[in-house]
């Protein structure tokens, strides 16, 4: 069995009972970063073999994973934070498992996407989720321009290193009065949820020290 397990996005107490039980009982854990996985496993008092599985080595490591599964071993796949497959590696391994008639099950739990949706104060019955925007400025600007006319609420992730640049593009491209929300460090000690217009949110972050991971949510075009 291949288990796709959601892990905390910040607060380690958000781990589910089922996730803990599954991590205790699998034979091996494939993880995005073994160092991050060890922090969680040490917190839970769990010792298991770890195999790194991230985007750059995904195609190579999935062969090893399938070999383990065909030998009858149970594997857990986790990412650094949140749910694998939501802007983190998973789908190639899941697809290959199905091709080999290996059962796959989800152990649901934390996700920065759903957490941000629940507290953003914007319509979320219809959304377009873009994951992480490109790092190159030209490509990023082009995508933001394309998203401007979407009717659905727009959601994407951004890193601390590019958040100010991205907010600047949003201010330049979107109507200044369009509603938006920025969620930072969700579930952590310094969690911050900022709501307002595009211009208000942009001004708020101009002179602030930026830390953590961000989820940006913008109301669709009326």
Protein backbone atom coordinates (compact mmCIF):
# COMPACT_ATOMS: atom_id res chain seq x y z
CA UNK A 1 0.00 0.00 0.00
CA UNK A 2 1.13 3.53 -0.80
CA UNK A 3 -0.03 6.07 1.78
CA UNK A 4 -0.14 9.76 0.85
CA UNK A 5 0.06 11.46 4.25
CA UNK A 6 -0.62 15.10 5.08
CA UNK A 7 1.68 16.55 7.75
CA UNK A 8 1.52 19.83 9.73
CA UNK A 9 2.13 23.09 7.89
CA UNK A 10 3.57 24.65 11.03
CA UNK A 11 2.02 23.60 14.32
CA UNK A 12 3.12 20.00 14.96
CA UNK A 13 0.03 19.36 17.07
CA UNK A 14 -2.03 19.42 13.86
CA UNK A 15 -0.92 15.88 12.98
CA UNK A 16 -3.87 13.47 12.91
CA UNK A 17 -4.13 10.29 14.97
CA UNK A 18 -4.42 8.28 11.77
CA UNK A 19 -1.30 9.88 10.31
CA UNK A 20 0.71 9.02 13.43
CA UNK A 21 -0.55 5.44 13.42
CA UNK A 22 0.24 5.03 9.72
CA UNK A 23 3.75 6.47 10.05
CA UNK A 24 4.42 4.02 12.88
CA UNK A 25 3.38 1.02 10.80
CA UNK A 26 4.78 1.59 7.31
CA UNK A 27 8.08 0.00 6.30
CA UNK A 28 9.69 3.11 4.83
CA UNK A 29 8.94 6.82 4.50
CA UNK A 30 9.66 8.74 1.32
CA UNK A 31 10.00 12.42 2.18
CA UNK A 32 10.79 15.71 0.48
CA UNK A 33 13.61 16.55 2.92
CA UNK A 34 14.96 13.98 5.37
CA UNK A 35 15.94 16.74 7.83
CA UNK A 36 12.41 18.13 7.97
CA UNK A 37 10.96 14.64 8.24
CA UNK A 38 13.26 13.83 11.16
CA UNK A 39 12.02 16.87 13.09
CA UNK A 40 8.46 15.58 12.84
CA UNK A 41 9.33 11.94 13.51
CA UNK A 42 11.48 12.83 16.53
CA UNK A 43 8.59 14.90 17.88
CA UNK A 44 6.34 11.86 17.49
CA UNK A 45 8.90 9.36 18.80
CA UNK A 46 8.92 7.41 15.52
CA UNK A 47 11.96 5.79 13.92
CA UNK A 48 11.69 4.64 10.33
CA UNK A 49 13.98 4.39 7.28
CA UNK A 50 13.81 7.59 5.23
CA UNK A 51 14.33 8.07 1.50
CA UNK A 52 14.53 11.58 0.03
CA UNK A 53 11.94 12.22 -2.67
CA UNK A 54 11.82 15.71 -4.16
CA UNK A 55 11.10 17.22 -7.54
CA UNK A 56 14.67 17.00 -8.88
CA UNK A 57 15.06 13.27 -8.12
CA UNK A 58 11.40 12.27 -8.37
CA UNK A 59 11.56 10.33 -11.64
CA UNK A 60 14.55 8.33 -10.42
CA UNK A 61 13.27 7.64 -6.90
CA UNK A 62 9.81 6.54 -7.95
CA UNK A 63 11.37 3.43 -9.52
CA UNK A 64 12.82 2.55 -6.13
CA UNK A 65 9.48 3.18 -4.46
CA UNK A 66 7.61 0.97 -6.91
CA UNK A 67 10.19 -1.79 -6.37
CA UNK A 68 9.57 -1.65 -2.61
CA UNK A 69 5.80 -1.71 -3.13
CA UNK A 70 5.97 -4.69 -5.51
CA UNK A 71 8.00 -6.51 -2.85
CA UNK A 72 5.06 -6.10 -0.48
CA UNK A 73 6.36 -3.18 1.57
CA UNK A 74 4.10 -0.36 2.76
CA UNK A 75 5.33 3.13 1.91
CA UNK A 76 4.34 6.56 3.26
CA UNK A 77 4.93 9.64 1.14
CA UNK A 78 5.13 12.97 2.95
CA UNK A 79 6.29 16.46 1.98
CA UNK A 80 7.93 19.07 4.19
CA UNK A 81 4.60 20.63 5.12
CA UNK A 82 1.02 19.99 4.14
CA UNK A 83 -0.41 17.55 1.63
CA UNK A 84 1.74 15.82 -1.02
CA UNK A 85 0.49 16.48 -4.52
CA UNK A 86 -0.59 20.06 -3.75
CA UNK A 87 2.43 21.90 -5.23
CA UNK A 88 4.64 19.10 -3.88
CA UNK A 89 5.78 15.85 -5.54
CA UNK A 90 3.30 12.95 -5.54
CA UNK A 91 1.35 12.54 -8.75
CA UNK A 92 4.05 10.66 -10.71
CA UNK A 93 4.42 8.07 -7.97
CA UNK A 94 0.66 7.73 -7.51
CA UNK A 95 0.17 7.26 -11.26
CA UNK A 96 2.94 4.66 -11.45
CA UNK A 97 1.45 2.80 -8.49
CA UNK A 98 -1.90 2.56 -10.26
CA UNK A 99 -0.17 1.27 -13.41
CA UNK A 100 1.27 -1.55 -11.30
CA UNK A 101 -2.06 -2.32 -9.57
CA UNK A 102 -0.73 -1.08 -6.23
CA UNK A 103 -3.42 0.36 -3.93
CA UNK A 104 -3.08 4.02 -2.93
CA UNK A 105 -4.85 5.74 -0.06
CA UNK A 106 -4.91 9.30 1.26
CA UNK A 107 -4.39 10.13 4.92
CA UNK A 108 -5.85 13.64 4.78
CA UNK A 109 -4.98 16.53 7.04
CA UNK A 110 -3.26 19.93 6.97
CA UNK A 111 -2.97 21.96 3.78
CA UNK A 112 -1.94 25.60 3.44
CA UNK A 113 -4.41 25.89 0.56
CA UNK A 114 -7.52 24.82 2.47
CA UNK A 115 -6.41 26.57 5.67
CA UNK A 116 -6.04 29.87 3.81
CA UNK A 117 -9.36 29.38 2.01
CA UNK A 118 -11.14 28.93 5.32
CA UNK A 119 -9.95 32.24 6.80
CA UNK A 120 -9.57 34.52 3.76
CA UNK A 121 -13.04 36.07 3.94
CA UNK A 122 -13.46 35.80 0.15
CA UNK A 123 -15.72 33.55 -1.96
CA UNK A 124 -14.22 30.07 -2.28
CA UNK A 125 -17.01 28.12 -4.00
CA UNK A 126 -15.08 28.56 -7.26
CA UNK A 127 -11.31 29.00 -7.27
CA UNK A 128 -8.31 28.81 -9.56
CA UNK A 129 -5.21 27.53 -7.76
CA UNK A 130 -1.85 28.24 -9.35
CA UNK A 131 0.62 26.82 -6.83
CA UNK A 132 3.92 28.74 -6.92
CA UNK A 133 4.35 31.42 -9.58
CA UNK A 134 7.45 31.28 -11.81
CA UNK A 135 10.65 32.81 -10.46
CA UNK A 136 11.46 34.72 -13.65
CA UNK A 137 9.91 38.19 -13.62
CA UNK A 138 8.70 38.12 -17.21
CA UNK A 139 6.87 34.81 -16.85
CA UNK A 140 5.43 35.83 -13.50
CA UNK A 141 4.09 39.11 -14.84
CA UNK A 142 2.50 37.36 -17.83
CA UNK A 143 0.67 34.87 -15.61
CA UNK A 144 -0.58 37.58 -13.24
CA UNK A 145 -1.89 39.50 -16.26
CA UNK A 146 -3.73 36.35 -17.42
CA UNK A 147 -5.21 35.78 -13.96
CA UNK A 148 -6.53 39.35 -13.69
CA UNK A 149 -9.70 38.62 -15.69
CA UNK A 150 -10.57 35.29 -14.04
CA UNK A 151 -14.00 35.25 -12.42
CA UNK A 152 -12.98 32.71 -9.79
CA UNK A 153 -11.10 33.57 -6.61
CA UNK A 154 -7.37 33.28 -7.39
CA UNK A 155 -5.00 31.49 -4.99
CA UNK A 156 -1.27 30.92 -5.19
CA UNK A 157 1.77 30.43 -2.97
CA UNK A 158 4.79 32.71 -2.71
CA UNK A 159 8.13 32.56 -0.94
CA UNK A 160 9.57 35.18 1.39
CA UNK A 161 12.25 36.00 -1.21
CA UNK A 162 9.76 37.06 -3.89
CA UNK A 163 6.68 38.24 -2.00
CA UNK A 164 7.35 42.01 -2.32
CA UNK A 165 8.03 41.73 -6.05
CA UNK A 166 4.84 39.73 -6.52
CA UNK A 167 2.76 42.22 -4.54
CA UNK A 168 4.19 45.00 -6.69
CA UNK A 169 3.10 43.20 -9.88
CA UNK A 170 -0.38 42.65 -8.42
CA UNK A 171 -0.66 46.35 -7.59
CA UNK A 172 0.43 47.32 -11.11
CA UNK A 173 -1.87 44.85 -12.89
CA UNK A 174 -5.00 44.51 -10.75
CA UNK A 175 -7.58 47.17 -9.94
CA UNK A 176 -6.44 48.95 -6.76
CA UNK A 177 -9.83 48.31 -5.12
CA UNK A 178 -9.91 44.56 -5.80
CA UNK A 179 -10.21 42.64 -2.51
CA UNK A 180 -7.40 40.31 -1.46
CA UNK A 181 -5.97 38.43 1.51
CA UNK A 182 -2.40 37.46 2.35
CA UNK A 183 -1.85 34.63 4.84
CA UNK A 184 1.60 34.31 6.39
CA UNK A 185 2.97 31.60 8.71
CA UNK A 186 -0.40 29.85 9.05
CA UNK A 187 -0.78 27.81 12.29
CA UNK A 188 2.55 29.13 13.64
CA UNK A 189 3.27 31.49 16.53
CA UNK A 190 3.50 34.58 14.32
CA UNK A 191 0.57 33.75 12.06
CA UNK A 192 -0.71 36.81 10.22
CA UNK A 193 -3.80 37.22 8.04
CA UNK A 194 -4.05 40.55 6.23
CA UNK A 195 -7.22 41.44 4.35
CA UNK A 196 -8.04 44.58 2.36
CA UNK A 197 -7.85 46.04 -1.11
CA UNK A 198 -4.90 45.43 -3.40
CA UNK A 199 -3.52 48.90 -2.65
CA UNK A 200 -4.02 48.52 1.13
CA UNK A 201 -2.28 45.16 1.29
CA UNK A 202 0.57 46.41 -0.89
CA UNK A 203 1.15 49.45 1.35
CA UNK A 204 0.95 47.32 4.51
CA UNK A 205 3.84 45.10 3.45
CA UNK A 206 6.13 47.76 2.00
CA UNK A 207 8.13 48.48 5.15
CA UNK A 208 7.59 45.25 7.06
CA UNK A 209 10.17 42.55 7.69
CA UNK A 210 9.14 39.53 5.63
CA UNK A 211 9.41 36.04 7.10
CA UNK A 212 7.77 32.71 6.41
CA UNK A 213 5.67 31.28 3.60
CA UNK A 214 2.75 33.14 2.03
CA UNK A 215 -0.61 32.27 0.52
CA UNK A 216 -2.05 35.04 -1.67
CA UNK A 217 -5.78 35.11 -2.37
CA UNK A 218 -7.41 37.60 -4.74
CA UNK A 219 -11.13 37.97 -5.38
CA UNK A 220 -12.24 37.18 -8.91
CA UNK A 221 -13.12 39.81 -11.46
CA UNK A 222 -16.71 40.99 -10.95
